[in-house]
Amino acid sequence: YPLMLMAVVSFPSMRRSPRQALELALDCAIVGLGGGALFIFFVLGSEAVAGSSALEAVVTIAYPVGDMILLVALGAAVLGGPVPEVRNSLRWLVAGMAIFVLANLVYGYVELHGGYEGGDPVDVLYILGYASFLIAPAEQRAVERPEGPAPRLAAMGGFNLLPYLAV
């Protein structure tokens, strides 16, 4: 998770004005709070009544927390106006991370309601997530850095649906 976070944070993006940076921060907060609410409802609530050992509780909670941190970082990368050379790669990373979030939620549910066994169908989701992570670098093109000042992100005239889906 720390290495994935470093990779996502290092994605090149366009420079933003202070207003655009504030809008990005607010959009990421919406994504984080929306995902956090799901995390609390589906994982922490179930874990609180499960009566498992401390180590089991930490492991069960650690994966979704890592997922949430990565989702907010990916949201920032997507909403922050990535340079065109990295968009396809970023899409594959977002798809892989979404699959991992789903897999971790299903795993947590299965573990709390009967127990997980190796080879359960949830393992297919993890394999699909890893496959998406493997495709992402293959889609990455070299980022050409022009000489002179970095271009600024144009004012967004379009409508971005991602923060509103999180709500």
N, C-alpha and C. Protein backbone atom coordinates (compact mmCIF):
# COMPACT_ATOMS: atom_id res chain seq x y z
N TYR A 1 0.81 -1.20 0.00
CA TYR A 1 0.00 0.00 0.00
C TYR A 1 0.86 1.27 0.00
N PRO A 2 1.93 1.35 0.80
CA PRO A 2 2.75 2.56 0.74
C PRO A 2 3.39 2.78 -0.64
N LEU A 3 3.84 1.70 -1.28
CA LEU A 3 4.45 1.85 -2.61
C LEU A 3 3.42 2.28 -3.65
N MET A 4 2.22 1.73 -3.56
CA MET A 4 1.15 2.13 -4.48
C MET A 4 0.80 3.59 -4.27
N LEU A 5 0.75 4.02 -3.01
CA LEU A 5 0.45 5.42 -2.72
C LEU A 5 1.52 6.34 -3.29
N MET A 6 2.79 5.96 -3.14
CA MET A 6 3.87 6.77 -3.70
C MET A 6 3.76 6.84 -5.22
N ALA A 7 3.39 5.74 -5.86
CA ALA A 7 3.25 5.72 -7.31
C ALA A 7 2.12 6.62 -7.77
N VAL A 8 1.00 6.57 -7.08
CA VAL A 8 -0.16 7.38 -7.47
C VAL A 8 0.12 8.86 -7.25
N VAL A 9 0.75 9.19 -6.14
CA VAL A 9 1.05 10.60 -5.83
C VAL A 9 2.05 11.17 -6.83
N SER A 10 2.90 10.33 -7.41
CA SER A 10 3.92 10.83 -8.33
C SER A 10 3.42 10.99 -9.77
N PHE A 11 2.14 10.68 -10.03
CA PHE A 11 1.61 10.88 -11.38
C PHE A 11 1.69 12.36 -11.74
N PRO A 12 2.22 12.65 -12.93
CA PRO A 12 2.29 14.07 -13.33
C PRO A 12 0.90 14.62 -13.63
N SER A 13 0.68 15.84 -13.20
CA SER A 13 -0.59 16.50 -13.48
C SER A 13 -0.33 17.95 -13.83
N MET A 14 -1.35 18.58 -14.33
CA MET A 14 -1.25 19.99 -14.71
C MET A 14 -1.21 20.85 -13.44
N ARG A 15 -0.56 22.00 -13.54
CA ARG A 15 -0.56 22.93 -12.41
C ARG A 15 -1.93 23.56 -12.28
N ARG A 16 -2.32 23.84 -11.04
CA ARG A 16 -3.64 24.40 -10.77
C ARG A 16 -3.52 25.76 -10.11
N SER A 17 -4.54 26.58 -10.33
CA SER A 17 -4.63 27.85 -9.63
C SER A 17 -5.04 27.55 -8.18
N PRO A 18 -4.90 28.51 -7.27
CA PRO A 18 -5.33 28.26 -5.88
C PRO A 18 -6.81 27.86 -5.78
N ARG A 19 -7.66 28.45 -6.61
CA ARG A 19 -9.08 28.08 -6.58
C ARG A 19 -9.28 26.64 -7.04
N GLN A 20 -8.58 26.25 -8.10
CA GLN A 20 -8.68 24.88 -8.60
C GLN A 20 -8.13 23.89 -7.58
N ALA A 21 -7.07 24.28 -6.86
CA ALA A 21 -6.51 23.40 -5.82
C ALA A 21 -7.51 23.21 -4.69
N LEU A 22 -8.23 24.27 -4.32
CA LEU A 22 -9.26 24.17 -3.29
C LEU A 22 -10.40 23.28 -3.76
N GLU A 23 -10.83 23.45 -5.01
CA GLU A 23 -11.90 22.60 -5.54
C GLU A 23 -11.46 21.14 -5.55
N LEU A 24 -10.21 20.88 -5.91
CA LEU A 24 -9.70 19.51 -5.91
C LEU A 24 -9.71 18.95 -4.49
N ALA A 25 -9.27 19.73 -3.53
CA ALA A 25 -9.26 19.26 -2.13
C ALA A 25 -10.67 18.95 -1.65
N LEU A 26 -11.63 19.80 -2.00
CA LEU A 26 -13.02 19.54 -1.60
C LEU A 26 -13.58 18.30 -2.29
N ASP A 27 -13.29 18.12 -3.57
CA ASP A 27 -13.74 16.93 -4.28
C ASP A 27 -13.15 15.66 -3.67
N CYS A 28 -11.86 15.72 -3.31
CA CYS A 28 -11.22 14.56 -2.68
C CYS A 28 -11.81 14.29 -1.30
N ALA A 29 -12.16 15.35 -0.59
CA ALA A 29 -12.80 15.17 0.72
C ALA A 29 -14.16 14.47 0.56
N ILE A 30 -14.90 14.84 -0.49
CA ILE A 30 -16.19 14.18 -0.74
C ILE A 30 -15.97 12.70 -1.02
N VAL A 31 -14.99 12.38 -1.87
CA VAL A 31 -14.70 10.98 -2.18
C VAL A 31 -14.28 10.24 -0.91
N GLY A 32 -13.42 10.85 -0.11
CA GLY A 32 -12.96 10.21 1.12
C GLY A 32 -14.06 10.01 2.15
N LEU A 33 -14.90 11.01 2.33
CA LEU A 33 -15.99 10.89 3.31
C LEU A 33 -17.04 9.89 2.84
N GLY A 34 -17.35 9.90 1.54
CA GLY A 34 -18.32 8.93 1.02
C GLY A 34 -17.81 7.51 1.16
N GLY A 35 -16.57 7.28 0.80
CA GLY A 35 -15.98 5.96 0.95
C GLY A 35 -15.81 5.58 2.41
N GLY A 36 -15.47 6.57 3.24
CA GLY A 36 -15.33 6.31 4.68
C GLY A 36 -16.64 5.88 5.31
N ALA A 37 -17.74 6.47 4.87
CA ALA A 37 -19.05 6.07 5.39
C ALA A 37 -19.35 4.62 5.04
N LEU A 38 -19.05 4.22 3.80
CA LEU A 38 -19.23 2.82 3.42
C LEU A 38 -18.33 1.90 4.24
N PHE A 39 -17.10 2.32 4.43
CA PHE A 39 -16.15 1.54 5.21
C PHE A 39 -16.64 1.35 6.64
N ILE A 40 -17.11 2.41 7.26
CA ILE A 40 -17.61 2.32 8.63
C ILE A 40 -18.83 1.41 8.69
N PHE A 41 -19.74 1.55 7.75
CA PHE A 41 -20.96 0.76 7.77
C PHE A 41 -20.70 -0.72 7.53
N PHE A 42 -19.91 -1.03 6.49
CA PHE A 42 -19.74 -2.42 6.11
C PHE A 42 -18.64 -3.15 6.88
N VAL A 43 -17.58 -2.44 7.29
CA VAL A 43 -16.44 -3.13 7.90
C VAL A 43 -16.39 -2.90 9.41
N LEU A 44 -16.32 -1.65 9.83
CA LEU A 44 -16.16 -1.38 11.26
C LEU A 44 -17.38 -1.82 12.06
N GLY A 45 -18.56 -1.59 11.52
CA GLY A 45 -19.78 -2.01 12.23
C GLY A 45 -19.82 -3.51 12.41
N SER A 46 -19.51 -4.24 11.37
CA SER A 46 -19.49 -5.70 11.44
C SER A 46 -18.37 -6.19 12.35
N GLU A 47 -17.23 -5.55 12.28
CA GLU A 47 -16.10 -5.96 13.09
C GLU A 47 -16.37 -5.71 14.57
N ALA A 48 -17.10 -4.65 14.88
CA ALA A 48 -17.38 -4.33 16.28
C ALA A 48 -18.24 -5.39 16.95
N VAL A 49 -19.12 -6.02 16.20
CA VAL A 49 -19.98 -7.04 16.79
C VAL A 49 -19.46 -8.46 16.57
N ALA A 50 -18.35 -8.62 15.86
CA ALA A 50 -17.85 -9.96 15.54
C ALA A 50 -17.15 -10.63 16.71
N GLY A 51 -16.56 -9.85 17.60
CA GLY A 51 -15.88 -10.44 18.75
C GLY A 51 -14.62 -11.19 18.37
N SER A 52 -13.88 -10.74 17.37
CA SER A 52 -12.66 -11.42 16.96
C SER A 52 -11.48 -10.94 17.79
N SER A 53 -10.34 -11.62 17.65
CA SER A 53 -9.14 -11.25 18.39
C SER A 53 -8.62 -9.89 17.88
N ALA A 54 -7.72 -9.31 18.65
CA ALA A 54 -7.19 -7.99 18.29
C ALA A 54 -6.44 -8.05 16.96
N LEU A 55 -5.65 -9.10 16.75
CA LEU A 55 -4.90 -9.22 15.49
C LEU A 55 -5.84 -9.37 14.30
N GLU A 56 -6.86 -10.19 14.44
CA GLU A 56 -7.84 -10.35 13.36
C GLU A 56 -8.54 -9.03 13.06
N ALA A 57 -8.88 -8.29 14.10
CA ALA A 57 -9.56 -7.00 13.91
C ALA A 57 -8.64 -6.02 13.18
N VAL A 58 -7.36 -5.98 13.56
CA VAL A 58 -6.42 -5.06 12.92
C VAL A 58 -6.26 -5.40 11.44
N VAL A 59 -6.11 -6.68 11.12
CA VAL A 59 -5.94 -7.08 9.72
C VAL A 59 -7.21 -6.80 8.93
N THR A 60 -8.36 -7.11 9.51
CA THR A 60 -9.63 -6.89 8.82
C THR A 60 -9.85 -5.41 8.54
N ILE A 61 -9.40 -4.56 9.44
CA ILE A 61 -9.61 -3.12 9.29
C ILE A 61 -8.50 -2.48 8.44
N ALA A 62 -7.28 -3.02 8.49
CA ALA A 62 -6.14 -2.40 7.80
C ALA A 62 -6.31 -2.36 6.29
N TYR A 63 -6.81 -3.41 5.69
CA TYR A 63 -6.96 -3.42 4.24
C TYR A 63 -7.95 -2.37 3.75
N PRO A 64 -9.14 -2.28 4.31
CA PRO A 64 -10.05 -1.22 3.84
C PRO A 64 -9.54 0.19 4.12
N VAL A 65 -8.81 0.38 5.21
CA VAL A 65 -8.23 1.71 5.47
C VAL A 65 -7.21 2.04 4.37
N GLY A 66 -6.37 1.08 4.03
CA GLY A 66 -5.42 1.29 2.93
C GLY A 66 -6.14 1.56 1.62
N ASP A 67 -7.23 0.84 1.39
CA ASP A 67 -8.03 1.08 0.19
C ASP A 67 -8.55 2.51 0.15
N MET A 68 -9.05 2.98 1.28
CA MET A 68 -9.61 4.33 1.32
C MET A 68 -8.53 5.38 1.04
N ILE A 69 -7.37 5.20 1.63
CA ILE A 69 -6.28 6.15 1.39
C ILE A 69 -5.91 6.16 -0.09
N LEU A 70 -5.81 4.97 -0.69
CA LEU A 70 -5.47 4.90 -2.11
C LEU A 70 -6.58 5.45 -2.99
N LEU A 71 -7.84 5.23 -2.62
CA LEU A 71 -8.95 5.79 -3.40
C LEU A 71 -8.92 7.30 -3.40
N VAL A 72 -8.64 7.91 -2.26
CA VAL A 72 -8.56 9.37 -2.20
C VAL A 72 -7.38 9.86 -3.04
N ALA A 73 -6.25 9.17 -2.98
CA ALA A 73 -5.09 9.56 -3.79
C ALA A 73 -5.40 9.40 -5.28
N LEU A 74 -6.06 8.31 -5.66
CA LEU A 74 -6.45 8.12 -7.06
C LEU A 74 -7.47 9.18 -7.48
N GLY A 75 -8.39 9.50 -6.59
CA GLY A 75 -9.35 10.57 -6.88
C GLY A 75 -8.64 11.88 -7.15
N ALA A 76 -7.63 12.18 -6.34
CA ALA A 76 -6.86 13.41 -6.55
C ALA A 76 -6.13 13.37 -7.88
N ALA A 77 -5.58 12.21 -8.24
CA ALA A 77 -4.87 12.10 -9.52
C ALA A 77 -5.82 12.25 -10.69
N VAL A 78 -6.99 11.64 -10.60
CA VAL A 78 -7.97 11.71 -11.70
C VAL A 78 -8.56 13.11 -11.79
N LEU A 79 -8.98 13.65 -10.67
CA LEU A 79 -9.61 14.97 -10.67
C LEU A 79 -8.63 16.10 -10.87
N GLY A 80 -7.33 15.82 -10.63
CA GLY A 80 -6.32 16.87 -10.71
C GLY A 80 -5.86 17.20 -12.11
N GLY A 81 -6.45 16.61 -13.13
CA GLY A 81 -6.07 16.93 -14.50
C GLY A 81 -4.77 16.28 -14.90
N PRO A 82 -4.75 14.94 -14.99
CA PRO A 82 -3.50 14.29 -15.38
C PRO A 82 -3.10 14.68 -16.80
N VAL A 83 -1.80 14.68 -17.04
CA VAL A 83 -1.33 14.98 -18.39
C VAL A 83 -1.81 13.87 -19.32
N PRO A 84 -2.04 14.18 -20.60
CA PRO A 84 -2.63 13.20 -21.51
C PRO A 84 -1.86 11.89 -21.62
N GLU A 85 -0.54 11.92 -21.45
CA GLU A 85 0.27 10.72 -21.61
C GLU A 85 -0.01 9.66 -20.54
N VAL A 86 -0.60 10.03 -19.42
CA VAL A 86 -0.80 9.07 -18.33
C VAL A 86 -2.26 8.68 -18.12
N ARG A 87 -3.16 9.22 -18.90
CA ARG A 87 -4.59 8.97 -18.66
C ARG A 87 -4.97 7.50 -18.77
N ASN A 88 -4.53 6.81 -19.82
CA ASN A 88 -4.89 5.39 -19.98
C ASN A 88 -4.33 4.55 -18.83
N SER A 89 -3.10 4.81 -18.46
CA SER A 89 -2.49 4.07 -17.36
C SER A 89 -3.25 4.33 -16.06
N LEU A 90 -3.62 5.56 -15.84
CA LEU A 90 -4.37 5.93 -14.64
C LEU A 90 -5.74 5.26 -14.61
N ARG A 91 -6.37 5.14 -15.76
CA ARG A 91 -7.67 4.45 -15.82
C ARG A 91 -7.54 2.99 -15.39
N TRP A 92 -6.49 2.32 -15.82
CA TRP A 92 -6.28 0.93 -15.41
C TRP A 92 -6.00 0.81 -13.92
N LEU A 93 -5.26 1.77 -13.38
CA LEU A 93 -5.01 1.77 -11.94
C LEU A 93 -6.31 1.99 -11.16
N VAL A 94 -7.14 2.92 -11.63
CA VAL A 94 -8.42 3.17 -10.96
C VAL A 94 -9.29 1.91 -11.03
N ALA A 95 -9.33 1.26 -12.18
CA ALA A 95 -10.13 0.04 -12.30
C ALA A 95 -9.60 -1.04 -11.35
N GLY A 96 -8.30 -1.22 -11.31
CA GLY A 96 -7.73 -2.21 -10.41
C GLY A 96 -8.00 -1.90 -8.95
N MET A 97 -7.92 -0.62 -8.59
CA MET A 97 -8.18 -0.24 -7.20
C MET A 97 -9.64 -0.43 -6.85
N ALA A 98 -10.53 -0.12 -7.77
CA ALA A 98 -11.96 -0.34 -7.53
C ALA A 98 -12.25 -1.83 -7.33
N ILE A 99 -11.59 -2.68 -8.11
CA ILE A 99 -11.76 -4.12 -7.95
C ILE A 99 -11.22 -4.57 -6.60
N PHE A 100 -10.09 -4.00 -6.18
CA PHE A 100 -9.53 -4.36 -4.88
C PHE A 100 -10.45 -3.93 -3.74
N VAL A 101 -11.04 -2.76 -3.84
CA VAL A 101 -11.96 -2.31 -2.80
C VAL A 101 -13.14 -3.28 -2.71
N LEU A 102 -13.68 -3.64 -3.86
CA LEU A 102 -14.78 -4.60 -3.88
C LEU A 102 -14.34 -5.94 -3.29
N ALA A 103 -13.16 -6.40 -3.67
CA ALA A 103 -12.65 -7.68 -3.16
C ALA A 103 -12.47 -7.63 -1.64
N ASN A 104 -11.93 -6.54 -1.13
CA ASN A 104 -11.72 -6.43 0.31
C ASN A 104 -13.04 -6.36 1.07
N LEU A 105 -14.03 -5.68 0.49
CA LEU A 105 -15.35 -5.65 1.14
C LEU A 105 -16.00 -7.03 1.14
N VAL A 106 -15.91 -7.74 0.01
CA VAL A 106 -16.46 -9.10 -0.06
C VAL A 106 -15.71 -10.02 0.89
N TYR A 107 -14.39 -9.91 0.91
CA TYR A 107 -13.59 -10.73 1.82
C TYR A 107 -13.99 -10.48 3.27
N GLY A 108 -14.12 -9.21 3.65
CA GLY A 108 -14.52 -8.89 5.02
C GLY A 108 -15.88 -9.46 5.36
N TYR A 109 -16.80 -9.37 4.42
CA TYR A 109 -18.14 -9.92 4.64
C TYR A 109 -18.08 -11.44 4.79
N VAL A 110 -17.35 -12.11 3.90
CA VAL A 110 -17.24 -13.57 3.95
C VAL A 110 -16.56 -14.00 5.25
N GLU A 111 -15.53 -13.29 5.64
CA GLU A 111 -14.79 -13.64 6.85
C GLU A 111 -15.67 -13.48 8.10
N LEU A 112 -16.50 -12.48 8.11
CA LEU A 112 -17.36 -12.24 9.27
C LEU A 112 -18.58 -13.16 9.30
N HIS A 113 -18.94 -13.74 8.16
CA HIS A 113 -20.15 -14.56 8.09
C HIS A 113 -19.83 -15.99 7.64
N GLY A 114 -18.94 -16.64 8.30
CA GLY A 114 -18.73 -18.04 7.97
C GLY A 114 -17.30 -18.42 7.71
N GLY A 115 -16.46 -17.49 7.45
CA GLY A 115 -15.05 -17.80 7.28
C GLY A 115 -14.61 -17.93 5.84
N TYR A 116 -13.44 -17.41 5.58
CA TYR A 116 -12.83 -17.46 4.26
C TYR A 116 -11.98 -18.71 4.16
N GLU A 117 -12.00 -19.32 3.00
CA GLU A 117 -11.12 -20.44 2.70
C GLU A 117 -10.42 -20.16 1.38
N GLY A 118 -9.17 -20.53 1.28
CA GLY A 118 -8.42 -20.32 0.05
C GLY A 118 -9.14 -20.92 -1.15
N GLY A 119 -9.18 -20.19 -2.23
CA GLY A 119 -9.85 -20.66 -3.43
C GLY A 119 -11.30 -20.22 -3.51
N ASP A 120 -11.75 -19.42 -2.55
CA ASP A 120 -13.11 -18.89 -2.62
C ASP A 120 -13.23 -17.98 -3.84
N PRO A 121 -14.46 -17.78 -4.33
CA PRO A 121 -14.64 -16.94 -5.52
C PRO A 121 -14.10 -15.51 -5.39
N VAL A 122 -13.98 -15.01 -4.17
CA VAL A 122 -13.46 -13.66 -3.99
C VAL A 122 -12.02 -13.55 -4.50
N ASP A 123 -11.29 -14.66 -4.54
CA ASP A 123 -9.91 -14.64 -5.02
C ASP A 123 -9.82 -14.21 -6.48
N VAL A 124 -10.86 -14.47 -7.25
CA VAL A 124 -10.88 -14.05 -8.66
C VAL A 124 -10.82 -12.52 -8.75
N LEU A 125 -11.48 -11.84 -7.82
CA LEU A 125 -11.44 -10.37 -7.84
C LEU A 125 -10.02 -9.87 -7.61
N TYR A 126 -9.31 -10.48 -6.69
CA TYR A 126 -7.92 -10.06 -6.45
C TYR A 126 -7.06 -10.28 -7.69
N ILE A 127 -7.26 -11.39 -8.37
CA ILE A 127 -6.49 -11.67 -9.59
C ILE A 127 -6.82 -10.63 -10.67
N LEU A 128 -8.10 -10.27 -10.81
CA LEU A 128 -8.47 -9.23 -11.78
C LEU A 128 -7.85 -7.88 -11.41
N GLY A 129 -7.81 -7.57 -10.13
CA GLY A 129 -7.18 -6.33 -9.68
C GLY A 129 -5.70 -6.30 -10.02
N TYR A 130 -5.01 -7.40 -9.74
CA TYR A 130 -3.59 -7.48 -10.08
C TYR A 130 -3.38 -7.39 -11.59
N ALA A 131 -4.26 -8.01 -12.36
CA ALA A 131 -4.15 -7.94 -13.82
C ALA A 131 -4.27 -6.49 -14.30
N SER A 132 -5.18 -5.73 -13.70
CA SER A 132 -5.32 -4.31 -14.06
C SER A 132 -4.05 -3.55 -13.73
N PHE A 133 -3.43 -3.87 -12.59
CA PHE A 133 -2.18 -3.21 -12.21
C PHE A 133 -1.04 -3.56 -13.17
N LEU A 134 -1.08 -4.76 -13.74
CA LEU A 134 -0.06 -5.16 -14.70
C LEU A 134 -0.26 -4.50 -16.07
N ILE A 135 -1.50 -4.25 -16.43
CA ILE A 135 -1.80 -3.61 -17.71
C ILE A 135 -1.45 -2.12 -17.67
N ALA A 136 -1.60 -1.50 -16.49
CA ALA A 136 -1.38 -0.05 -16.36
C ALA A 136 -0.02 0.42 -16.89
N PRO A 137 1.09 -0.19 -16.50
CA PRO A 137 2.37 0.30 -17.04
C PRO A 137 2.52 0.06 -18.53
N ALA A 138 1.88 -0.98 -19.05
CA ALA A 138 1.95 -1.23 -20.49
C ALA A 138 1.25 -0.13 -21.27
N GLU A 139 0.27 0.52 -20.65
CA GLU A 139 -0.46 1.60 -21.29
C GLU A 139 0.23 2.96 -21.11
N GLN A 140 1.24 3.00 -20.29
CA GLN A 140 1.93 4.25 -19.99
C GLN A 140 2.82 4.66 -21.14
N ARG A 141 2.67 5.88 -21.58
CA ARG A 141 3.57 6.44 -22.58
C ARG A 141 4.56 7.38 -21.89
N ALA A 142 5.63 7.64 -22.55
CA ALA A 142 6.63 8.55 -21.98
C ALA A 142 6.04 9.95 -21.88
N VAL A 143 6.28 10.59 -20.75
CA VAL A 143 5.79 11.95 -20.54
C VAL A 143 6.86 12.91 -21.00
N GLU A 144 6.50 13.71 -21.99
CA GLU A 144 7.45 14.68 -22.51
C GLU A 144 7.26 15.98 -21.76
N ARG A 145 8.31 16.45 -21.16
CA ARG A 145 8.28 17.70 -20.40
C ARG A 145 8.76 18.83 -21.31
N PRO A 146 7.85 19.74 -21.69
CA PRO A 146 8.28 20.84 -22.55
C PRO A 146 9.17 21.81 -21.78
N GLU A 147 10.02 22.50 -22.54
CA GLU A 147 10.87 23.52 -21.93
C GLU A 147 10.01 24.71 -21.52
N GLY A 148 10.44 25.42 -20.52
CA GLY A 148 9.70 26.60 -20.06
C GLY A 148 8.74 26.26 -18.94
N PRO A 149 7.87 27.22 -18.61
CA PRO A 149 6.95 26.98 -17.48
C PRO A 149 5.94 25.89 -17.80
N ALA A 150 5.55 25.18 -16.76
CA ALA A 150 4.57 24.11 -16.93
C ALA A 150 3.21 24.71 -17.26
N PRO A 151 2.47 24.06 -18.16
CA PRO A 151 1.14 24.59 -18.49
C PRO A 151 0.19 24.45 -17.32
N ARG A 152 -0.74 25.38 -17.25
CA ARG A 152 -1.73 25.36 -16.18
C ARG A 152 -2.97 24.63 -16.66
N LEU A 153 -3.68 24.08 -15.71
CA LEU A 153 -4.93 23.41 -15.99
C LEU A 153 -5.97 24.46 -16.37
N ALA A 154 -6.60 24.27 -17.50
CA ALA A 154 -7.64 25.21 -17.93
C ALA A 154 -8.84 25.10 -17.00
N ALA A 155 -9.58 26.18 -16.91
CA ALA A 155 -10.80 26.14 -16.10
C ALA A 155 -11.70 25.04 -16.63
N MET A 156 -12.21 24.26 -15.73
CA MET A 156 -13.01 23.11 -16.14
C MET A 156 -14.37 23.58 -16.60
N GLY A 157 -14.63 23.40 -17.87
CA GLY A 157 -15.93 23.76 -18.41
C GLY A 157 -16.88 22.58 -18.38
N GLY A 158 -16.33 21.38 -18.29
CA GLY A 158 -17.16 20.17 -18.29
C GLY A 158 -17.65 19.84 -16.90
N PHE A 159 -18.32 18.73 -16.82
CA PHE A 159 -18.91 18.29 -15.57
C PHE A 159 -18.27 16.97 -15.18
N ASN A 160 -17.66 16.92 -13.99
CA ASN A 160 -17.01 15.70 -13.53
C ASN A 160 -17.93 15.00 -12.56
N LEU A 161 -18.25 13.74 -12.84
CA LEU A 161 -19.26 13.01 -12.08
C LEU A 161 -18.69 12.28 -10.87
N LEU A 162 -17.38 12.06 -10.80
CA LEU A 162 -16.79 11.24 -9.75
C LEU A 162 -17.12 11.70 -8.33
N PRO A 163 -16.97 12.98 -7.96
CA PRO A 163 -17.30 13.37 -6.58
C PRO A 163 -18.76 13.15 -6.25
N TYR A 164 -19.62 13.33 -7.22
CA TYR A 164 -21.06 13.20 -6.96
C TYR A 164 -21.48 11.75 -6.85
N LEU A 165 -20.75 10.86 -7.51
CA LEU A 165 -21.00 9.43 -7.32
C LEU A 165 -20.62 9.01 -5.90
N ALA A 166 -19.56 9.61 -5.38
CA ALA A 166 -19.15 9.30 -4.02
C ALA A 166 -20.20 9.74 -3.01
N VAL A 167 -20.84 10.87 -3.28
CA VAL A 167 -21.88 11.35 -2.38
C VAL A 167 -23.05 10.39 -2.41
